[in-house]
């Protein structure tokens, strides 16, 4: 899909994946607690969902809480879970308003029962929506995702569902949390960090990477467009000439 942005005709990436980084540092710069940064970061997610759809992005996936984030101070984790509960509740209303479909990926069994129930409800009520496909990664780690996929695939193979010789890239991908999503075209990481941090290692094989010093709560539509402009400077050959 092409769209004119800032006076230029740009190819719009179908799927954008974002590592939301810098909430704590944003709050610290304002002499506020880290949880205040997370709260503002959640508001930025809401706005970027609208902005992404407005410029023509069809799939948006955000790294909200990783398998490693449990290592943070217990007080911060509890505050994040409280914020998550509120966000999931509010998201049900927004999905109806914005015609947005929401999926949640990651190892959900470690999340509290009421959070899992809210996720199920959100996915169910938004399943028929035809707008932005918004995916939230919760308790997600790419290595964990691939190990879970391999265990499931190995069990199916053991049960006779298929022979080992039938395993292909496509077969393996069908066992991943993202099996219903196209691979990302563009990965964005905010706050100046330049690493993947166990984020969609399989799916990002051919994605373009855009790193920005902007802290997540300050990320806006203009910065998203700059990322799309950068994407358009890349020559995507996928191994060809």
C-alpha atoms as a PDB file:
ATOM      1  CA  UNK A   1       0.000   0.000   0.000  1.00  0.00           C
ATOM      2  CA  UNK A   2       1.196   3.508  -0.840  1.00  0.00           C
ATOM      3  CA  UNK A   3       0.117   6.762   0.768  1.00  0.00           C
ATOM      4  CA  UNK A   4       1.215  10.375   0.567  1.00  0.00           C
ATOM      5  CA  UNK A   5       2.757  11.554   3.839  1.00  0.00           C
ATOM      6  CA  UNK A   6       4.671  14.805   4.296  1.00  0.00           C
ATOM      7  CA  UNK A   7       4.298  15.443   0.577  1.00  0.00           C
ATOM      8  CA  UNK A   8       5.969  12.151  -0.395  1.00  0.00           C
ATOM      9  CA  UNK A   9       4.414   8.977  -1.761  1.00  0.00           C
ATOM     10  CA  UNK A  10       5.509   6.265   0.661  1.00  0.00           C
ATOM     11  CA  UNK A  11       5.137   2.500   0.782  1.00  0.00           C
ATOM     12  CA  UNK A  12       3.409   1.718   4.082  1.00  0.00           C
ATOM     13  CA  UNK A  13       4.661  -1.359   5.965  1.00  0.00           C
ATOM     14  CA  UNK A  14       1.828  -3.815   6.520  1.00  0.00           C
ATOM     15  CA  UNK A  15       3.013  -4.909   9.965  1.00  0.00           C
ATOM     16  CA  UNK A  16       4.941  -2.784  12.464  1.00  0.00           C
ATOM     17  CA  UNK A  17       6.322  -4.262  15.706  1.00  0.00           C
ATOM     18  CA  UNK A  18       7.389  -1.907  18.505  1.00  0.00           C
ATOM     19  CA  UNK A  19       9.505  -2.369  21.620  1.00  0.00           C
ATOM     20  CA  UNK A  20       8.019   0.171  24.043  1.00  0.00           C
ATOM     21  CA  UNK A  21      11.080   1.380  25.915  1.00  0.00           C
ATOM     22  CA  UNK A  22      11.839   4.351  28.130  1.00  0.00           C
ATOM     23  CA  UNK A  23       8.785   4.769  30.365  1.00  0.00           C
ATOM     24  CA  UNK A  24      10.853   4.713  33.550  1.00  0.00           C
ATOM     25  CA  UNK A  25      13.480   7.120  32.238  1.00  0.00           C
ATOM     26  CA  UNK A  26      10.750   9.467  30.992  1.00  0.00           C
ATOM     27  CA  UNK A  27       9.269   9.589  34.503  1.00  0.00           C
ATOM     28  CA  UNK A  28      12.676   9.988  36.170  1.00  0.00           C
ATOM     29  CA  UNK A  29      13.453  13.039  34.021  1.00  0.00           C
ATOM     30  CA  UNK A  30      10.288  14.603  35.453  1.00  0.00           C
ATOM     31  CA  UNK A  31      11.083  13.567  39.051  1.00  0.00           C
ATOM     32  CA  UNK A  32       8.082  11.247  39.007  1.00  0.00           C
ATOM     33  CA  UNK A  33       7.803   7.547  39.988  1.00  0.00           C
ATOM     34  CA  UNK A  34       8.367   4.911  37.304  1.00  0.00           C
ATOM     35  CA  UNK A  35       4.723   3.876  37.454  1.00  0.00           C
ATOM     36  CA  UNK A  36       3.745   7.335  36.246  1.00  0.00           C
ATOM     37  CA  UNK A  37       5.846   6.688  33.153  1.00  0.00           C
ATOM     38  CA  UNK A  38       4.099   3.365  32.550  1.00  0.00           C
ATOM     39  CA  UNK A  39       0.718   5.070  32.842  1.00  0.00           C
ATOM     40  CA  UNK A  40       1.688   7.696  30.290  1.00  0.00           C
ATOM     41  CA  UNK A  41       3.151   4.994  28.073  1.00  0.00           C
ATOM     42  CA  UNK A  42      -0.213   3.212  28.041  1.00  0.00           C
ATOM     43  CA  UNK A  43      -1.855   6.419  26.806  1.00  0.00           C
ATOM     44  CA  UNK A  44       0.720   6.614  24.027  1.00  0.00           C
ATOM     45  CA  UNK A  45      -0.200   3.069  22.960  1.00  0.00           C
ATOM     46  CA  UNK A  46      -3.835   4.137  22.627  1.00  0.00           C
ATOM     47  CA  UNK A  47      -2.935   7.091  20.420  1.00  0.00           C
ATOM     48  CA  UNK A  48      -0.422   5.212  18.264  1.00  0.00           C
ATOM     49  CA  UNK A  49      -3.060   2.575  17.488  1.00  0.00           C
ATOM     50  CA  UNK A  50      -5.194   5.315  15.955  1.00  0.00           C
ATOM     51  CA  UNK A  51      -2.220   6.918  14.206  1.00  0.00           C
ATOM     52  CA  UNK A  52      -1.000   3.618  12.741  1.00  0.00           C
ATOM     53  CA  UNK A  53      -4.397   2.852  11.226  1.00  0.00           C
ATOM     54  CA  UNK A  54      -4.708   6.420   9.953  1.00  0.00           C
ATOM     55  CA  UNK A  55      -1.493   6.187   7.925  1.00  0.00           C
ATOM     56  CA  UNK A  56      -2.342   2.750   6.546  1.00  0.00           C
ATOM     57  CA  UNK A  57      -0.628   0.226   8.837  1.00  0.00           C
ATOM     58  CA  UNK A  58      -2.764  -2.910   9.079  1.00  0.00           C
ATOM     59  CA  UNK A  59      -0.978  -4.791  11.878  1.00  0.00           C
ATOM     60  CA  UNK A  60       0.610  -3.305  14.995  1.00  0.00           C
ATOM     61  CA  UNK A  61       2.311  -5.455  17.633  1.00  0.00           C
ATOM     62  CA  UNK A  62       3.722  -4.051  20.882  1.00  0.00           C
ATOM     63  CA  UNK A  63       6.093  -5.581  23.436  1.00  0.00           C
ATOM     64  CA  UNK A  64       4.309  -4.665  26.662  1.00  0.00           C
ATOM     65  CA  UNK A  65       5.660  -7.103  29.276  1.00  0.00           C
ATOM     66  CA  UNK A  66       8.444  -9.617  28.766  1.00  0.00           C
ATOM     67  CA  UNK A  67       9.230 -12.891  30.498  1.00  0.00           C
ATOM     68  CA  UNK A  68      12.233 -11.072  31.986  1.00  0.00           C
ATOM     69  CA  UNK A  69      10.154  -8.199  33.416  1.00  0.00           C
ATOM     70  CA  UNK A  70       9.152 -10.365  36.382  1.00  0.00           C
ATOM     71  CA  UNK A  71      12.665  -9.619  37.698  1.00  0.00           C
ATOM     72  CA  UNK A  72      11.690  -6.015  38.359  1.00  0.00           C
ATOM     73  CA  UNK A  73      10.862  -4.915  41.940  1.00  0.00           C
ATOM     74  CA  UNK A  74       7.677  -6.570  43.202  1.00  0.00           C
ATOM     75  CA  UNK A  75       6.032  -3.190  43.781  1.00  0.00           C
ATOM     76  CA  UNK A  76       6.590  -2.170  40.165  1.00  0.00           C
ATOM     77  CA  UNK A  77       5.309  -5.502  38.815  1.00  0.00           C
ATOM     78  CA  UNK A  78       2.138  -5.195  40.923  1.00  0.00           C
ATOM     79  CA  UNK A  79       1.607  -1.674  39.641  1.00  0.00           C
ATOM     80  CA  UNK A  80       2.083  -2.866  36.062  1.00  0.00           C
ATOM     81  CA  UNK A  81      -0.481  -5.635  36.558  1.00  0.00           C
ATOM     82  CA  UNK A  82      -2.925  -3.098  38.022  1.00  0.00           C
ATOM     83  CA  UNK A  83      -2.384  -0.859  35.000  1.00  0.00           C
ATOM     84  CA  UNK A  84      -2.840  -3.862  32.717  1.00  0.00           C
ATOM     85  CA  UNK A  85      -6.184  -4.724  34.297  1.00  0.00           C
ATOM     86  CA  UNK A  86      -7.443  -1.190  33.693  1.00  0.00           C
ATOM     87  CA  UNK A  87      -6.047  -1.115  30.156  1.00  0.00           C
ATOM     88  CA  UNK A  88      -7.717  -4.398  29.174  1.00  0.00           C
ATOM     89  CA  UNK A  89     -11.039  -3.213  30.581  1.00  0.00           C
ATOM     90  CA  UNK A  90     -10.851   0.121  28.761  1.00  0.00           C
ATOM     91  CA  UNK A  91      -9.663  -1.602  25.581  1.00  0.00           C
ATOM     92  CA  UNK A  92     -12.965  -3.467  25.210  1.00  0.00           C
ATOM     93  CA  UNK A  93     -14.766  -0.144  24.762  1.00  0.00           C
ATOM     94  CA  UNK A  94     -12.099   1.205  22.397  1.00  0.00           C
ATOM     95  CA  UNK A  95     -12.174  -1.849  20.143  1.00  0.00           C
ATOM     96  CA  UNK A  96     -15.874  -1.302  19.496  1.00  0.00           C
ATOM     97  CA  UNK A  97     -15.321   2.417  18.858  1.00  0.00           C
ATOM     98  CA  UNK A  98     -12.297   1.952  16.584  1.00  0.00           C
ATOM     99  CA  UNK A  99     -13.272  -1.373  14.937  1.00  0.00           C
ATOM    100  CA  UNK A 100      -9.944  -2.765  16.177  1.00  0.00           C
ATOM    101  CA  UNK A 101      -9.168  -6.463  16.562  1.00  0.00           C
ATOM    102  CA  UNK A 102      -6.995  -7.331  19.548  1.00  0.00           C
ATOM    103  CA  UNK A 103      -4.885 -10.424  20.151  1.00  0.00           C
ATOM    104  CA  UNK A 104      -2.591 -11.202  23.074  1.00  0.00           C
ATOM    105  CA  UNK A 105       0.507 -13.354  22.621  1.00  0.00           C
ATOM    106  CA  UNK A 106       2.878 -14.807  25.205  1.00  0.00           C
ATOM    107  CA  UNK A 107       2.775 -17.390  27.980  1.00  0.00           C
ATOM    108  CA  UNK A 108      -0.496 -16.419  29.635  1.00  0.00           C
ATOM    109  CA  UNK A 109      -0.575 -19.148  32.303  1.00  0.00           C
ATOM    110  CA  UNK A 110       1.574 -17.101  34.705  1.00  0.00           C
ATOM    111  CA  UNK A 111      -0.871 -14.194  34.584  1.00  0.00           C
ATOM    112  CA  UNK A 112      -3.611 -14.028  37.244  1.00  0.00           C
ATOM    113  CA  UNK A 113      -6.929 -15.674  36.414  1.00  0.00           C
ATOM    114  CA  UNK A 114      -8.849 -12.398  36.170  1.00  0.00           C
ATOM    115  CA  UNK A 115      -6.316 -11.024  33.686  1.00  0.00           C
ATOM    116  CA  UNK A 116      -6.572 -14.174  31.576  1.00  0.00           C
ATOM    117  CA  UNK A 117     -10.373 -13.876  31.646  1.00  0.00           C
ATOM    118  CA  UNK A 118     -10.165 -10.243  30.540  1.00  0.00           C
ATOM    119  CA  UNK A 119      -7.859 -11.242  27.690  1.00  0.00           C
ATOM    120  CA  UNK A 120     -10.276 -13.950  26.556  1.00  0.00           C
ATOM    121  CA  UNK A 121     -13.175 -11.498  26.640  1.00  0.00           C
ATOM    122  CA  UNK A 122     -11.234  -8.838  24.731  1.00  0.00           C
ATOM    123  CA  UNK A 123     -10.159 -11.269  22.017  1.00  0.00           C
ATOM    124  CA  UNK A 124     -13.684 -12.640  21.703  1.00  0.00           C
ATOM    125  CA  UNK A 125     -15.548  -9.328  21.476  1.00  0.00           C
ATOM    126  CA  UNK A 126     -13.074  -7.904  18.940  1.00  0.00           C
ATOM    127  CA  UNK A 127     -12.657 -11.031  16.787  1.00  0.00           C
ATOM    128  CA  UNK A 128     -14.993  -9.846  14.016  1.00  0.00           C
ATOM    129  CA  UNK A 129     -13.627  -6.297  13.833  1.00  0.00           C
ATOM    130  CA  UNK A 130     -12.072  -5.316  10.518  1.00  0.00           C
ATOM    131  CA  UNK A 131      -9.854  -2.358  11.434  1.00  0.00           C
ATOM    132  CA  UNK A 132      -6.345  -2.393  12.874  1.00  0.00           C
ATOM    133  CA  UNK A 133      -5.044  -5.789  13.974  1.00  0.00           C
ATOM    134  CA  UNK A 134      -3.480  -4.899  17.316  1.00  0.00           C
ATOM    135  CA  UNK A 135      -1.400  -7.494  19.153  1.00  0.00           C
ATOM    136  CA  UNK A 136      -0.141  -7.110  22.718  1.00  0.00           C
ATOM    137  CA  UNK A 137       2.788  -9.244  23.882  1.00  0.00           C
ATOM    138  CA  UNK A 138       2.384 -10.099  27.587  1.00  0.00           C
ATOM    139  CA  UNK A 139       4.764 -12.349  29.487  1.00  0.00           C
ATOM    140  CA  UNK A 140       6.363 -12.838  26.095  1.00  0.00           C
ATOM    141  CA  UNK A 141       9.866 -13.956  25.274  1.00  0.00           C
ATOM    142  CA  UNK A 142      10.826 -15.184  21.831  1.00  0.00           C
ATOM    143  CA  UNK A 143      12.993 -18.044  23.091  1.00  0.00           C
ATOM    144  CA  UNK A 144      10.158 -19.167  25.365  1.00  0.00           C
ATOM    145  CA  UNK A 145       7.737 -18.933  22.450  1.00  0.00           C
ATOM    146  CA  UNK A 146       9.954 -21.120  20.263  1.00  0.00           C
ATOM    147  CA  UNK A 147      10.528 -23.691  23.016  1.00  0.00           C
ATOM    148  CA  UNK A 148       6.766 -23.939  23.614  1.00  0.00           C
ATOM    149  CA  UNK A 149       6.228 -24.301  19.871  1.00  0.00           C
ATOM    150  CA  UNK A 150       8.850 -27.052  19.590  1.00  0.00           C
ATOM    151  CA  UNK A 151       7.391 -28.981  22.518  1.00  0.00           C
ATOM    152  CA  UNK A 152       3.926 -28.830  20.960  1.00  0.00           C
ATOM    153  CA  UNK A 153       5.260 -29.788  17.545  1.00  0.00           C
ATOM    154  CA  UNK A 154       7.354 -32.643  18.976  1.00  0.00           C
ATOM    155  CA  UNK A 155       4.308 -34.019  20.791  1.00  0.00           C
ATOM    156  CA  UNK A 156       2.215 -33.900  17.607  1.00  0.00           C
ATOM    157  CA  UNK A 157       5.009 -35.640  15.733  1.00  0.00           C
ATOM    158  CA  UNK A 158       5.243 -38.303  18.456  1.00  0.00           C
ATOM    159  CA  UNK A 159       1.466 -38.793  18.248  1.00  0.00           C
ATOM    160  CA  UNK A 160       1.759 -39.470  14.522  1.00  0.00           C
ATOM    161  CA  UNK A 161       0.266 -36.241  13.207  1.00  0.00           C
ATOM    162  CA  UNK A 162       3.196 -35.888  10.792  1.00  0.00           C
ATOM    163  CA  UNK A 163       6.695 -37.233  10.122  1.00  0.00           C
ATOM    164  CA  UNK A 164       9.856 -35.305  11.031  1.00  0.00           C
ATOM    165  CA  UNK A 165      10.648 -35.009   7.319  1.00  0.00           C
ATOM    166  CA  UNK A 166       7.503 -32.930   6.897  1.00  0.00           C
ATOM    167  CA  UNK A 167       8.728 -30.167   9.209  1.00  0.00           C
ATOM    168  CA  UNK A 168       9.252 -26.967   7.249  1.00  0.00           C
ATOM    169  CA  UNK A 169       9.624 -23.294   8.142  1.00  0.00           C
ATOM    170  CA  UNK A 170       5.914 -22.899   7.475  1.00  0.00           C
ATOM    171  CA  UNK A 171       5.068 -25.860   9.711  1.00  0.00           C
ATOM    172  CA  UNK A 172       7.154 -24.483  12.569  1.00  0.00           C
ATOM    173  CA  UNK A 173       5.687 -20.979  12.165  1.00  0.00           C
ATOM    174  CA  UNK A 174       2.194 -22.463  12.487  1.00  0.00           C
ATOM    175  CA  UNK A 175       3.033 -23.417  16.095  1.00  0.00           C
ATOM    176  CA  UNK A 176       4.170 -19.935  17.112  1.00  0.00           C
ATOM    177  CA  UNK A 177       1.998 -17.447  19.004  1.00  0.00           C
ATOM    178  CA  UNK A 178       1.975 -15.298  15.866  1.00  0.00           C
ATOM    179  CA  UNK A 179       0.628 -17.996  13.556  1.00  0.00           C
ATOM    180  CA  UNK A 180      -2.303 -15.792  12.496  1.00  0.00           C
ATOM    181  CA  UNK A 181      -0.122 -12.755  11.734  1.00  0.00           C
ATOM    182  CA  UNK A 182       2.163 -11.829   8.840  1.00  0.00           C
ATOM    183  CA  UNK A 183       5.807 -11.291   9.783  1.00  0.00           C
ATOM    184  CA  UNK A 184       6.652  -7.674  10.677  1.00  0.00           C
ATOM    185  CA  UNK A 185       8.067  -5.464   7.939  1.00  0.00           C
ATOM    186  CA  UNK A 186       9.379  -2.827  10.333  1.00  0.00           C
ATOM    187  CA  UNK A 187      10.595  -3.064  13.934  1.00  0.00           C
ATOM    188  CA  UNK A 188      10.800   0.109  16.016  1.00  0.00           C
ATOM    189  CA  UNK A 189      12.590   0.435  19.338  1.00  0.00           C
ATOM    190  CA  UNK A 190      12.388   3.633  21.352  1.00  0.00           C
ATOM    191  CA  UNK A 191      14.728   5.198  23.964  1.00  0.00           C
ATOM    192  CA  UNK A 192      18.009   4.730  22.103  1.00  0.00           C
ATOM    193  CA  UNK A 193      18.584   1.064  22.916  1.00  0.00           C
ATOM    194  CA  UNK A 194      19.721  -1.032  19.942  1.00  0.00           C
ATOM    195  CA  UNK A 195      19.016  -4.664  20.705  1.00  0.00           C
ATOM    196  CA  UNK A 196      16.105  -7.065  20.255  1.00  0.00           C
ATOM    197  CA  UNK A 197      15.795  -8.149  23.899  1.00  0.00           C
ATOM    198  CA  UNK A 198      14.280 -11.536  23.059  1.00  0.00           C
ATOM    199  CA  UNK A 199      11.603  -9.968  20.827  1.00  0.00           C
ATOM    200  CA  UNK A 200      10.155 -11.904  17.856  1.00  0.00           C
ATOM    201  CA  UNK A 201      13.503 -13.420  16.873  1.00  0.00           C
ATOM    202  CA  UNK A 202      11.969 -15.749  14.271  1.00  0.00           C
ATOM    203  CA  UNK A 203       9.454 -13.283  12.864  1.00  0.00           C
ATOM    204  CA  UNK A 204      11.883 -10.361  12.446  1.00  0.00           C
ATOM    205  CA  UNK A 205      14.233 -12.261  10.127  1.00  0.00           C
ATOM    206  CA  UNK A 206      13.613  -9.881   7.215  1.00  0.00           C
ATOM    207  CA  UNK A 207      12.280  -6.801   9.019  1.00  0.00           C
ATOM    208  CA  UNK A 208      13.878  -3.381   8.812  1.00  0.00           C
ATOM    209  CA  UNK A 209      14.991  -1.926  12.177  1.00  0.00           C
ATOM    210  CA  UNK A 210      14.389   1.673  13.226  1.00  0.00           C
ATOM    211  CA  UNK A 211      15.977   2.866  16.474  1.00  0.00           C
ATOM    212  CA  UNK A 212      15.045   6.240  17.933  1.00  0.00           C
ATOM    213  CA  UNK A 213      16.207   8.150  21.005  1.00  0.00           C
ATOM    214  CA  UNK A 214      12.623   9.239  21.669  1.00  0.00           C
ATOM    215  CA  UNK A 215      11.302   7.796  24.941  1.00  0.00           C
ATOM    216  CA  UNK A 216       8.082   5.841  24.515  1.00  0.00           C
ATOM    217  CA  UNK A 217       5.692   8.305  26.245  1.00  0.00           C
ATOM    218  CA  UNK A 218       6.956  11.003  23.823  1.00  0.00           C
ATOM    219  CA  UNK A 219       6.552   8.814  20.722  1.00  0.00           C
ATOM    220  CA  UNK A 220       3.942  10.312  18.411  1.00  0.00           C
ATOM    221  CA  UNK A 221       2.535  10.195  14.897  1.00  0.00           C
ATOM    222  CA  UNK A 222       5.362  12.335  13.504  1.00  0.00           C
ATOM    223  CA  UNK A 223       7.981   9.918  14.834  1.00  0.00           C
ATOM    224  CA  UNK A 224       5.999   6.985  13.439  1.00  0.00           C
ATOM    225  CA  UNK A 225       5.989   8.664  10.033  1.00  0.00           C
ATOM    226  CA  UNK A 226       9.756   9.219  10.312  1.00  0.00           C
ATOM    227  CA  UNK A 227      10.126   5.483  10.894  1.00  0.00           C
ATOM    228  CA  UNK A 228       8.045   4.791   7.777  1.00  0.00           C
ATOM    229  CA  UNK A 229      10.188   7.275   5.823  1.00  0.00           C
ATOM    230  CA  UNK A 230      13.299   5.398   6.958  1.00  0.00           C
ATOM    231  CA  UNK A 231      11.661   2.119   5.921  1.00  0.00           C
ATOM    232  CA  UNK A 232      11.275   3.570   2.443  1.00  0.00           C
ATOM    233  CA  UNK A 233      15.012   4.231   2.165  1.00  0.00           C
ATOM    234  CA  UNK A 234      15.768   0.534   2.517  1.00  0.00           C
ATOM    235  CA  UNK A 235      16.260  -1.766  -0.484  1.00  0.00           C
ATOM    236  CA  UNK A 236      14.323  -4.890   0.490  1.00  0.00           C
ATOM    237  CA  UNK A 237      15.807  -7.692  -1.655  1.00  0.00           C
ATOM    238  CA  UNK A 238      15.086 -10.670   0.658  1.00  0.00           C
ATOM    239  CA  UNK A 239      18.362 -12.311  -0.356  1.00  0.00           C
ATOM    240  CA  UNK A 240      17.979 -11.528  -4.054  1.00  0.00           C
ATOM    241  CA  UNK A 241      19.862  -9.072  -6.250  1.00  0.00           C
END
